């Protein structure tokens, strides 16, 4: 009986020791994987953070991790001291690197949207790359001009003739949400780069733009987003909403 008891105790001790050794090995796996790799300390999401959460309330939902330099997203942050007054512009998921493009000021966050949407308009969202939407610099309440382009002819029976038109004018911007971040595959510079005058939000590679349109204009935007291309410009001050004729490929150099 005594022998069985001692054997059981020994088995338990061995199991505990094995578990501790396994945990230590797993915890050291990241360090071994990064050995010899140039890394940078970056704030990384550990637990899901709802959109609109104040940075000051992130708490243990984020942690500073070593990330290989060639896997850094544009604008990745090493600490959050300078952005405590901001909120999450979108839902942040575990593994996301926190950057300025994913944060916004409380006043412009879509949850406190300054855009007043008339009852006769429909809200509609579409995705565009950053270079097609001013690098993400539009704000809720701004007015946009939407340019719709097609690679093929726009008329019934038309041939393969690319065409573009500033089809939709004075379109109310409801919200701007970064939906992706560009990554850099080049090593970090060895010298300190010159200060940049570019806005921080160009770190996002694409944006979900939500606008308010009449049903007649909404169907045009859906069609262009589905079968053509959309470019977004900030509407000029005092615009009256007129649209020029379509521009065809043969007219560009006239």
C-alpha atoms as a PDB file:
ATOM      1  CA  UNK A   1       0.000   0.000   0.000  1.00  0.00           C
ATOM      2  CA  UNK A   2       2.831   2.322   0.992  1.00  0.00           C
ATOM      3  CA  UNK A   3       4.681   1.502  -2.204  1.00  0.00           C
ATOM      4  CA  UNK A   4       1.618   2.383  -4.313  1.00  0.00           C
ATOM      5  CA  UNK A   5       1.217   5.691  -2.473  1.00  0.00           C
ATOM      6  CA  UNK A   6       4.847   6.623  -3.043  1.00  0.00           C
ATOM      7  CA  UNK A   7       4.548   5.631  -6.679  1.00  0.00           C
ATOM      8  CA  UNK A   8       1.462   7.820  -7.101  1.00  0.00           C
ATOM      9  CA  UNK A   9       3.179  10.809  -5.488  1.00  0.00           C
ATOM     10  CA  UNK A  10       6.211  10.339  -7.735  1.00  0.00           C
ATOM     11  CA  UNK A  11       3.986  10.211 -10.812  1.00  0.00           C
ATOM     12  CA  UNK A  12       2.273  13.468  -9.815  1.00  0.00           C
ATOM     13  CA  UNK A  13       5.621  15.181  -9.226  1.00  0.00           C
ATOM     14  CA  UNK A  14       6.948  14.010 -12.582  1.00  0.00           C
ATOM     15  CA  UNK A  15       3.784  15.240 -14.305  1.00  0.00           C
ATOM     16  CA  UNK A  16       4.144  18.679 -12.692  1.00  0.00           C
ATOM     17  CA  UNK A  17       7.817  18.899 -13.647  1.00  0.00           C
ATOM     18  CA  UNK A  18       6.995  17.880 -17.211  1.00  0.00           C
ATOM     19  CA  UNK A  19       4.297  20.531 -17.462  1.00  0.00           C
ATOM     20  CA  UNK A  20       6.617  23.250 -16.120  1.00  0.00           C
ATOM     21  CA  UNK A  21       9.350  22.285 -18.589  1.00  0.00           C
ATOM     22  CA  UNK A  22       6.877  22.279 -21.482  1.00  0.00           C
ATOM     23  CA  UNK A  23       5.507  25.697 -20.536  1.00  0.00           C
ATOM     24  CA  UNK A  24       9.026  27.127 -20.289  1.00  0.00           C
ATOM     25  CA  UNK A  25       9.914  25.655 -23.668  1.00  0.00           C
ATOM     26  CA  UNK A  26       6.806  27.097 -25.332  1.00  0.00           C
ATOM     27  CA  UNK A  27       7.343  30.509 -23.714  1.00  0.00           C
ATOM     28  CA  UNK A  28      10.868  30.566 -25.106  1.00  0.00           C
ATOM     29  CA  UNK A  29       9.773  29.608 -28.620  1.00  0.00           C
ATOM     30  CA  UNK A  30       9.120  33.226 -29.665  1.00  0.00           C
ATOM     31  CA  UNK A  31      12.536  34.293 -28.427  1.00  0.00           C
ATOM     32  CA  UNK A  32      14.235  31.456 -30.314  1.00  0.00           C
ATOM     33  CA  UNK A  33      12.295  32.254 -33.480  1.00  0.00           C
ATOM     34  CA  UNK A  34      13.404  35.917 -33.342  1.00  0.00           C
ATOM     35  CA  UNK A  35      17.034  35.095 -32.614  1.00  0.00           C
ATOM     36  CA  UNK A  36      19.242  36.879 -35.151  1.00  0.00           C
ATOM     37  CA  UNK A  37      16.293  38.903 -36.522  1.00  0.00           C
ATOM     38  CA  UNK A  38      16.121  42.705 -36.306  1.00  0.00           C
ATOM     39  CA  UNK A  39      13.088  43.538 -34.176  1.00  0.00           C
ATOM     40  CA  UNK A  40      11.244  46.596 -32.870  1.00  0.00           C
ATOM     41  CA  UNK A  41       9.082  46.950 -29.789  1.00  0.00           C
ATOM     42  CA  UNK A  42       5.491  47.619 -30.878  1.00  0.00           C
ATOM     43  CA  UNK A  43       2.145  47.878 -29.089  1.00  0.00           C
ATOM     44  CA  UNK A  44       0.135  44.770 -30.049  1.00  0.00           C
ATOM     45  CA  UNK A  45      -3.485  43.935 -29.220  1.00  0.00           C
ATOM     46  CA  UNK A  46      -3.883  41.000 -26.811  1.00  0.00           C
ATOM     47  CA  UNK A  47      -7.654  41.061 -26.266  1.00  0.00           C
ATOM     48  CA  UNK A  48     -10.417  42.305 -28.553  1.00  0.00           C
ATOM     49  CA  UNK A  49     -10.989  46.072 -28.221  1.00  0.00           C
ATOM     50  CA  UNK A  50     -14.401  47.394 -29.324  1.00  0.00           C
ATOM     51  CA  UNK A  51     -14.576  50.331 -31.705  1.00  0.00           C
ATOM     52  CA  UNK A  52     -14.814  53.626 -29.817  1.00  0.00           C
ATOM     53  CA  UNK A  53     -12.846  52.444 -26.768  1.00  0.00           C
ATOM     54  CA  UNK A  54     -10.649  55.181 -25.285  1.00  0.00           C
ATOM     55  CA  UNK A  55      -6.913  54.495 -25.564  1.00  0.00           C
ATOM     56  CA  UNK A  56      -6.625  55.340 -21.865  1.00  0.00           C
ATOM     57  CA  UNK A  57      -8.904  52.338 -21.186  1.00  0.00           C
ATOM     58  CA  UNK A  58      -6.944  49.789 -23.265  1.00  0.00           C
ATOM     59  CA  UNK A  59      -5.249  48.497 -20.113  1.00  0.00           C
ATOM     60  CA  UNK A  60      -4.033  44.897 -20.376  1.00  0.00           C
ATOM     61  CA  UNK A  61      -5.800  44.493 -23.714  1.00  0.00           C
ATOM     62  CA  UNK A  62      -2.518  45.599 -25.294  1.00  0.00           C
ATOM     63  CA  UNK A  63       1.113  44.779 -24.632  1.00  0.00           C
ATOM     64  CA  UNK A  64       4.493  45.749 -26.050  1.00  0.00           C
ATOM     65  CA  UNK A  65       5.886  42.927 -28.182  1.00  0.00           C
ATOM     66  CA  UNK A  66       8.981  42.427 -30.280  1.00  0.00           C
ATOM     67  CA  UNK A  67       8.020  42.378 -33.950  1.00  0.00           C
ATOM     68  CA  UNK A  68      10.396  41.662 -36.867  1.00  0.00           C
ATOM     69  CA  UNK A  69      11.184  44.978 -38.547  1.00  0.00           C
ATOM     70  CA  UNK A  70      10.098  43.719 -41.956  1.00  0.00           C
ATOM     71  CA  UNK A  71       6.626  42.909 -40.560  1.00  0.00           C
ATOM     72  CA  UNK A  72       5.877  46.346 -39.085  1.00  0.00           C
ATOM     73  CA  UNK A  73       2.781  48.134 -40.331  1.00  0.00           C
ATOM     74  CA  UNK A  74       3.092  51.781 -41.309  1.00  0.00           C
ATOM     75  CA  UNK A  75       2.869  54.005 -38.260  1.00  0.00           C
ATOM     76  CA  UNK A  76       3.110  51.166 -35.712  1.00  0.00           C
ATOM     77  CA  UNK A  77       3.386  52.656 -32.242  1.00  0.00           C
ATOM     78  CA  UNK A  78       6.010  51.813 -29.628  1.00  0.00           C
ATOM     79  CA  UNK A  79       3.910  53.287 -26.820  1.00  0.00           C
ATOM     80  CA  UNK A  80       0.548  55.009 -26.346  1.00  0.00           C
ATOM     81  CA  UNK A  81       1.600  57.944 -24.161  1.00  0.00           C
ATOM     82  CA  UNK A  82       0.978  60.563 -26.857  1.00  0.00           C
ATOM     83  CA  UNK A  83      -2.468  59.243 -27.905  1.00  0.00           C
ATOM     84  CA  UNK A  84      -4.218  58.801 -24.567  1.00  0.00           C
ATOM     85  CA  UNK A  85      -6.952  61.254 -25.638  1.00  0.00           C
ATOM     86  CA  UNK A  86      -7.882  59.223 -28.751  1.00  0.00           C
ATOM     87  CA  UNK A  87     -10.290  56.312 -29.265  1.00  0.00           C
ATOM     88  CA  UNK A  88     -10.211  53.161 -31.390  1.00  0.00           C
ATOM     89  CA  UNK A  89     -11.515  54.061 -34.844  1.00  0.00           C
ATOM     90  CA  UNK A  90     -12.454  50.426 -35.478  1.00  0.00           C
ATOM     91  CA  UNK A  91     -12.599  47.075 -33.727  1.00  0.00           C
ATOM     92  CA  UNK A  92      -9.077  45.957 -32.817  1.00  0.00           C
ATOM     93  CA  UNK A  93      -8.403  42.219 -32.809  1.00  0.00           C
ATOM     94  CA  UNK A  94      -5.704  40.166 -31.075  1.00  0.00           C
ATOM     95  CA  UNK A  95      -2.465  40.361 -33.040  1.00  0.00           C
ATOM     96  CA  UNK A  96      -3.199  43.791 -34.545  1.00  0.00           C
ATOM     97  CA  UNK A  97      -0.380  46.311 -34.318  1.00  0.00           C
ATOM     98  CA  UNK A  98      -1.697  49.609 -32.953  1.00  0.00           C
ATOM     99  CA  UNK A  99      -1.039  52.546 -35.276  1.00  0.00           C
ATOM    100  CA  UNK A 100      -2.332  56.093 -35.676  1.00  0.00           C
ATOM    101  CA  UNK A 101      -4.442  54.948 -38.627  1.00  0.00           C
ATOM    102  CA  UNK A 102      -6.507  52.794 -36.248  1.00  0.00           C
ATOM    103  CA  UNK A 103      -7.129  55.617 -33.794  1.00  0.00           C
ATOM    104  CA  UNK A 104      -9.155  58.793 -34.071  1.00  0.00           C
ATOM    105  CA  UNK A 105     -10.247  61.823 -32.078  1.00  0.00           C
ATOM    106  CA  UNK A 106     -13.454  61.372 -30.067  1.00  0.00           C
ATOM    107  CA  UNK A 107     -15.031  64.347 -31.868  1.00  0.00           C
ATOM    108  CA  UNK A 108     -14.684  62.689 -35.279  1.00  0.00           C
ATOM    109  CA  UNK A 109     -15.436  59.122 -34.192  1.00  0.00           C
ATOM    110  CA  UNK A 110     -18.460  57.797 -36.075  1.00  0.00           C
ATOM    111  CA  UNK A 111     -20.251  57.119 -32.777  1.00  0.00           C
ATOM    112  CA  UNK A 112     -20.450  60.896 -32.248  1.00  0.00           C
ATOM    113  CA  UNK A 113     -20.927  61.714 -35.893  1.00  0.00           C
ATOM    114  CA  UNK A 114     -21.411  65.392 -36.774  1.00  0.00           C
ATOM    115  CA  UNK A 115     -22.981  64.480 -40.126  1.00  0.00           C
ATOM    116  CA  UNK A 116     -26.744  65.087 -40.049  1.00  0.00           C
ATOM    117  CA  UNK A 117     -28.395  62.705 -42.504  1.00  0.00           C
ATOM    118  CA  UNK A 118     -31.679  63.806 -44.101  1.00  0.00           C
ATOM    119  CA  UNK A 119     -34.516  61.277 -43.926  1.00  0.00           C
ATOM    120  CA  UNK A 120     -34.717  60.957 -47.721  1.00  0.00           C
ATOM    121  CA  UNK A 121     -31.113  59.725 -48.097  1.00  0.00           C
ATOM    122  CA  UNK A 122     -29.716  56.213 -47.847  1.00  0.00           C
ATOM    123  CA  UNK A 123     -26.423  55.358 -46.130  1.00  0.00           C
ATOM    124  CA  UNK A 124     -24.105  53.297 -48.301  1.00  0.00           C
ATOM    125  CA  UNK A 125     -20.540  52.025 -47.772  1.00  0.00           C
ATOM    126  CA  UNK A 126     -17.862  51.147 -50.313  1.00  0.00           C
ATOM    127  CA  UNK A 127     -14.135  50.362 -50.141  1.00  0.00           C
ATOM    128  CA  UNK A 128     -11.346  52.228 -51.899  1.00  0.00           C
ATOM    129  CA  UNK A 129      -7.569  52.275 -51.616  1.00  0.00           C
ATOM    130  CA  UNK A 130      -5.985  55.219 -49.816  1.00  0.00           C
ATOM    131  CA  UNK A 131      -4.749  56.892 -53.007  1.00  0.00           C
ATOM    132  CA  UNK A 132      -8.353  57.091 -54.294  1.00  0.00           C
ATOM    133  CA  UNK A 133      -9.695  58.894 -51.223  1.00  0.00           C
ATOM    134  CA  UNK A 134      -7.165  61.637 -50.382  1.00  0.00           C
ATOM    135  CA  UNK A 135      -5.196  59.298 -48.149  1.00  0.00           C
ATOM    136  CA  UNK A 136      -8.177  59.057 -45.796  1.00  0.00           C
ATOM    137  CA  UNK A 137      -8.308  62.795 -45.044  1.00  0.00           C
ATOM    138  CA  UNK A 138     -12.063  63.262 -45.494  1.00  0.00           C
ATOM    139  CA  UNK A 139     -14.048  63.749 -42.293  1.00  0.00           C
ATOM    140  CA  UNK A 140     -17.674  63.069 -41.355  1.00  0.00           C
ATOM    141  CA  UNK A 141     -19.717  66.061 -42.446  1.00  0.00           C
ATOM    142  CA  UNK A 142     -17.497  66.806 -45.476  1.00  0.00           C
ATOM    143  CA  UNK A 143     -18.923  66.734 -48.981  1.00  0.00           C
ATOM    144  CA  UNK A 144     -17.332  64.604 -51.682  1.00  0.00           C
ATOM    145  CA  UNK A 145     -17.368  64.396 -55.448  1.00  0.00           C
ATOM    146  CA  UNK A 146     -17.375  60.831 -56.778  1.00  0.00           C
ATOM    147  CA  UNK A 147     -15.688  60.018 -60.074  1.00  0.00           C
ATOM    148  CA  UNK A 148     -16.919  56.795 -61.667  1.00  0.00           C
ATOM    149  CA  UNK A 149     -14.750  55.021 -64.252  1.00  0.00           C
ATOM    150  CA  UNK A 150     -15.258  52.014 -66.485  1.00  0.00           C
ATOM    151  CA  UNK A 151     -12.714  50.121 -68.547  1.00  0.00           C
ATOM    152  CA  UNK A 152     -15.337  49.330 -71.188  1.00  0.00           C
ATOM    153  CA  UNK A 153     -17.747  51.569 -73.023  1.00  0.00           C
ATOM    154  CA  UNK A 154     -20.549  53.077 -70.959  1.00  0.00           C
ATOM    155  CA  UNK A 155     -23.240  53.164 -73.618  1.00  0.00           C
ATOM    156  CA  UNK A 156     -25.438  50.315 -74.797  1.00  0.00           C
ATOM    157  CA  UNK A 157     -23.438  48.309 -77.328  1.00  0.00           C
ATOM    158  CA  UNK A 158     -20.376  50.524 -76.835  1.00  0.00           C
ATOM    159  CA  UNK A 159     -16.964  49.020 -77.463  1.00  0.00           C
ATOM    160  CA  UNK A 160     -13.913  48.736 -75.263  1.00  0.00           C
ATOM    161  CA  UNK A 161     -13.492  52.485 -74.696  1.00  0.00           C
ATOM    162  CA  UNK A 162     -12.567  53.515 -71.132  1.00  0.00           C
ATOM    163  CA  UNK A 163     -14.671  56.352 -69.752  1.00  0.00           C
ATOM    164  CA  UNK A 164     -14.736  58.501 -66.601  1.00  0.00           C
ATOM    165  CA  UNK A 165     -17.310  60.938 -65.283  1.00  0.00           C
ATOM    166  CA  UNK A 166     -17.661  63.108 -62.202  1.00  0.00           C
ATOM    167  CA  UNK A 167     -21.064  61.522 -61.770  1.00  0.00           C
ATOM    168  CA  UNK A 168     -22.034  62.347 -58.184  1.00  0.00           C
ATOM    169  CA  UNK A 169     -21.588  65.796 -56.641  1.00  0.00           C
ATOM    170  CA  UNK A 170     -22.023  67.138 -53.094  1.00  0.00           C
ATOM    171  CA  UNK A 171     -22.192  63.662 -51.562  1.00  0.00           C
ATOM    172  CA  UNK A 172     -22.376  63.789 -47.746  1.00  0.00           C
ATOM    173  CA  UNK A 173     -19.579  61.835 -46.017  1.00  0.00           C
ATOM    174  CA  UNK A 174     -20.955  59.939 -43.002  1.00  0.00           C
ATOM    175  CA  UNK A 175     -17.829  58.120 -41.824  1.00  0.00           C
ATOM    176  CA  UNK A 176     -14.311  57.066 -42.784  1.00  0.00           C
ATOM    177  CA  UNK A 177     -12.995  53.777 -41.438  1.00  0.00           C
ATOM    178  CA  UNK A 178      -9.532  52.339 -42.082  1.00  0.00           C
ATOM    179  CA  UNK A 179      -9.906  48.732 -43.163  1.00  0.00           C
ATOM    180  CA  UNK A 180      -6.288  47.734 -43.721  1.00  0.00           C
ATOM    181  CA  UNK A 181      -2.726  48.753 -43.091  1.00  0.00           C
ATOM    182  CA  UNK A 182       0.169  48.622 -45.460  1.00  0.00           C
ATOM    183  CA  UNK A 183       3.244  46.618 -44.448  1.00  0.00           C
ATOM    184  CA  UNK A 184       6.858  47.384 -45.109  1.00  0.00           C
ATOM    185  CA  UNK A 185       9.266  44.701 -46.333  1.00  0.00           C
ATOM    186  CA  UNK A 186      12.350  46.962 -46.257  1.00  0.00           C
ATOM    187  CA  UNK A 187      14.631  47.122 -43.209  1.00  0.00           C
ATOM    188  CA  UNK A 188      14.401  50.048 -40.842  1.00  0.00           C
ATOM    189  CA  UNK A 189      16.633  53.001 -41.782  1.00  0.00           C
ATOM    190  CA  UNK A 190      19.892  53.224 -39.860  1.00  0.00           C
ATOM    191  CA  UNK A 191      19.685  57.005 -39.636  1.00  0.00           C
ATOM    192  CA  UNK A 192      16.901  59.191 -38.327  1.00  0.00           C
ATOM    193  CA  UNK A 193      14.611  60.172 -41.257  1.00  0.00           C
ATOM    194  CA  UNK A 194      13.684  63.767 -41.892  1.00  0.00           C
ATOM    195  CA  UNK A 195      10.396  64.893 -40.292  1.00  0.00           C
ATOM    196  CA  UNK A 196       7.455  64.092 -42.545  1.00  0.00           C
ATOM    197  CA  UNK A 197       4.673  66.522 -43.330  1.00  0.00           C
ATOM    198  CA  UNK A 198       2.389  63.740 -44.569  1.00  0.00           C
ATOM    199  CA  UNK A 199      -0.712  63.057 -42.438  1.00  0.00           C
ATOM    200  CA  UNK A 200      -0.525  59.992 -40.227  1.00  0.00           C
ATOM    201  CA  UNK A 201      -3.660  58.430 -41.667  1.00  0.00           C
ATOM    202  CA  UNK A 202      -1.965  57.510 -44.955  1.00  0.00           C
ATOM    203  CA  UNK A 203      -0.703  54.426 -43.079  1.00  0.00           C
ATOM    204  CA  UNK A 204      -3.983  52.711 -43.894  1.00  0.00           C
ATOM    205  CA  UNK A 205      -3.912  50.909 -47.234  1.00  0.00           C
ATOM    206  CA  UNK A 206      -7.685  51.015 -47.766  1.00  0.00           C
ATOM    207  CA  UNK A 207     -10.750  52.762 -46.380  1.00  0.00           C
ATOM    208  CA  UNK A 208     -14.421  51.988 -45.990  1.00  0.00           C
ATOM    209  CA  UNK A 209     -16.228  55.177 -46.914  1.00  0.00           C
ATOM    210  CA  UNK A 210     -19.844  55.617 -45.837  1.00  0.00           C
ATOM    211  CA  UNK A 211     -21.879  58.257 -47.645  1.00  0.00           C
ATOM    212  CA  UNK A 212     -25.494  59.401 -47.777  1.00  0.00           C
ATOM    213  CA  UNK A 213     -27.194  59.406 -51.191  1.00  0.00           C
ATOM    214  CA  UNK A 214     -30.578  59.523 -52.803  1.00  0.00           C
ATOM    215  CA  UNK A 215     -31.739  56.063 -53.939  1.00  0.00           C
ATOM    216  CA  UNK A 216     -31.169  57.075 -57.592  1.00  0.00           C
ATOM    217  CA  UNK A 217     -27.560  58.050 -56.907  1.00  0.00           C
ATOM    218  CA  UNK A 218     -26.963  55.080 -54.594  1.00  0.00           C
ATOM    219  CA  UNK A 219     -27.636  52.599 -57.391  1.00  0.00           C
ATOM    220  CA  UNK A 220     -25.080  54.389 -59.604  1.00  0.00           C
ATOM    221  CA  UNK A 221     -22.444  54.106 -56.907  1.00  0.00           C
ATOM    222  CA  UNK A 222     -23.202  50.424 -56.297  1.00  0.00           C
ATOM    223  CA  UNK A 223     -22.905  49.703 -60.023  1.00  0.00           C
ATOM    224  CA  UNK A 224     -19.559  51.516 -60.320  1.00  0.00           C
ATOM    225  CA  UNK A 225     -18.169  49.874 -57.184  1.00  0.00           C
ATOM    226  CA  UNK A 226     -19.269  46.476 -58.476  1.00  0.00           C
ATOM    227  CA  UNK A 227     -18.247  46.728 -62.138  1.00  0.00           C
ATOM    228  CA  UNK A 228     -15.979  49.787 -62.433  1.00  0.00           C
ATOM    229  CA  UNK A 229     -13.823  52.037 -60.287  1.00  0.00           C
ATOM    230  CA  UNK A 230     -14.539  54.857 -57.832  1.00  0.00           C
ATOM    231  CA  UNK A 231     -12.365  57.864 -56.988  1.00  0.00           C
ATOM    232  CA  UNK A 232     -13.316  60.223 -54.159  1.00  0.00           C
ATOM    233  CA  UNK A 233     -12.464  63.936 -54.131  1.00  0.00           C
ATOM    234  CA  UNK A 234     -13.255  66.556 -51.524  1.00  0.00           C
ATOM    235  CA  UNK A 235     -15.966  68.779 -52.922  1.00  0.00           C
ATOM    236  CA  UNK A 236     -14.860  72.311 -53.763  1.00  0.00           C
ATOM    237  CA  UNK A 237     -16.292  75.153 -51.726  1.00  0.00           C
ATOM    238  CA  UNK A 238     -19.412  76.677 -53.246  1.00  0.00           C
ATOM    239  CA  UNK A 239     -19.959  73.813 -55.680  1.00  0.00           C
ATOM    240  CA  UNK A 240     -23.434  73.850 -57.200  1.00  0.00           C
ATOM    241  CA  UNK A 241     -23.553  70.148 -58.011  1.00  0.00           C
ATOM    242  CA  UNK A 242     -23.327  70.246 -61.817  1.00  0.00           C
ATOM    243  CA  UNK A 243     -21.473  67.402 -63.555  1.00  0.00           C
ATOM    244  CA  UNK A 244     -19.362  67.612 -66.732  1.00  0.00           C
ATOM    245  CA  UNK A 245     -19.807  65.270 -69.669  1.00  0.00           C
ATOM    246  CA  UNK A 246     -18.074  61.873 -69.537  1.00  0.00           C
ATOM    247  CA  UNK A 247     -14.422  61.818 -70.579  1.00  0.00           C
ATOM    248  CA  UNK A 248     -13.408  59.064 -72.996  1.00  0.00           C
ATOM    249  CA  UNK A 249      -9.916  57.810 -73.678  1.00  0.00           C
ATOM    250  CA  UNK A 250      -9.657  59.612 -76.990  1.00  0.00           C
ATOM    251  CA  UNK A 251     -10.575  62.953 -75.364  1.00  0.00           C
ATOM    252  CA  UNK A 252      -7.773  63.030 -72.770  1.00  0.00           C
ATOM    253  CA  UNK A 253      -5.207  64.755 -75.023  1.00  0.00           C
ATOM    254  CA  UNK A 254      -7.595  67.072 -76.814  1.00  0.00           C
END
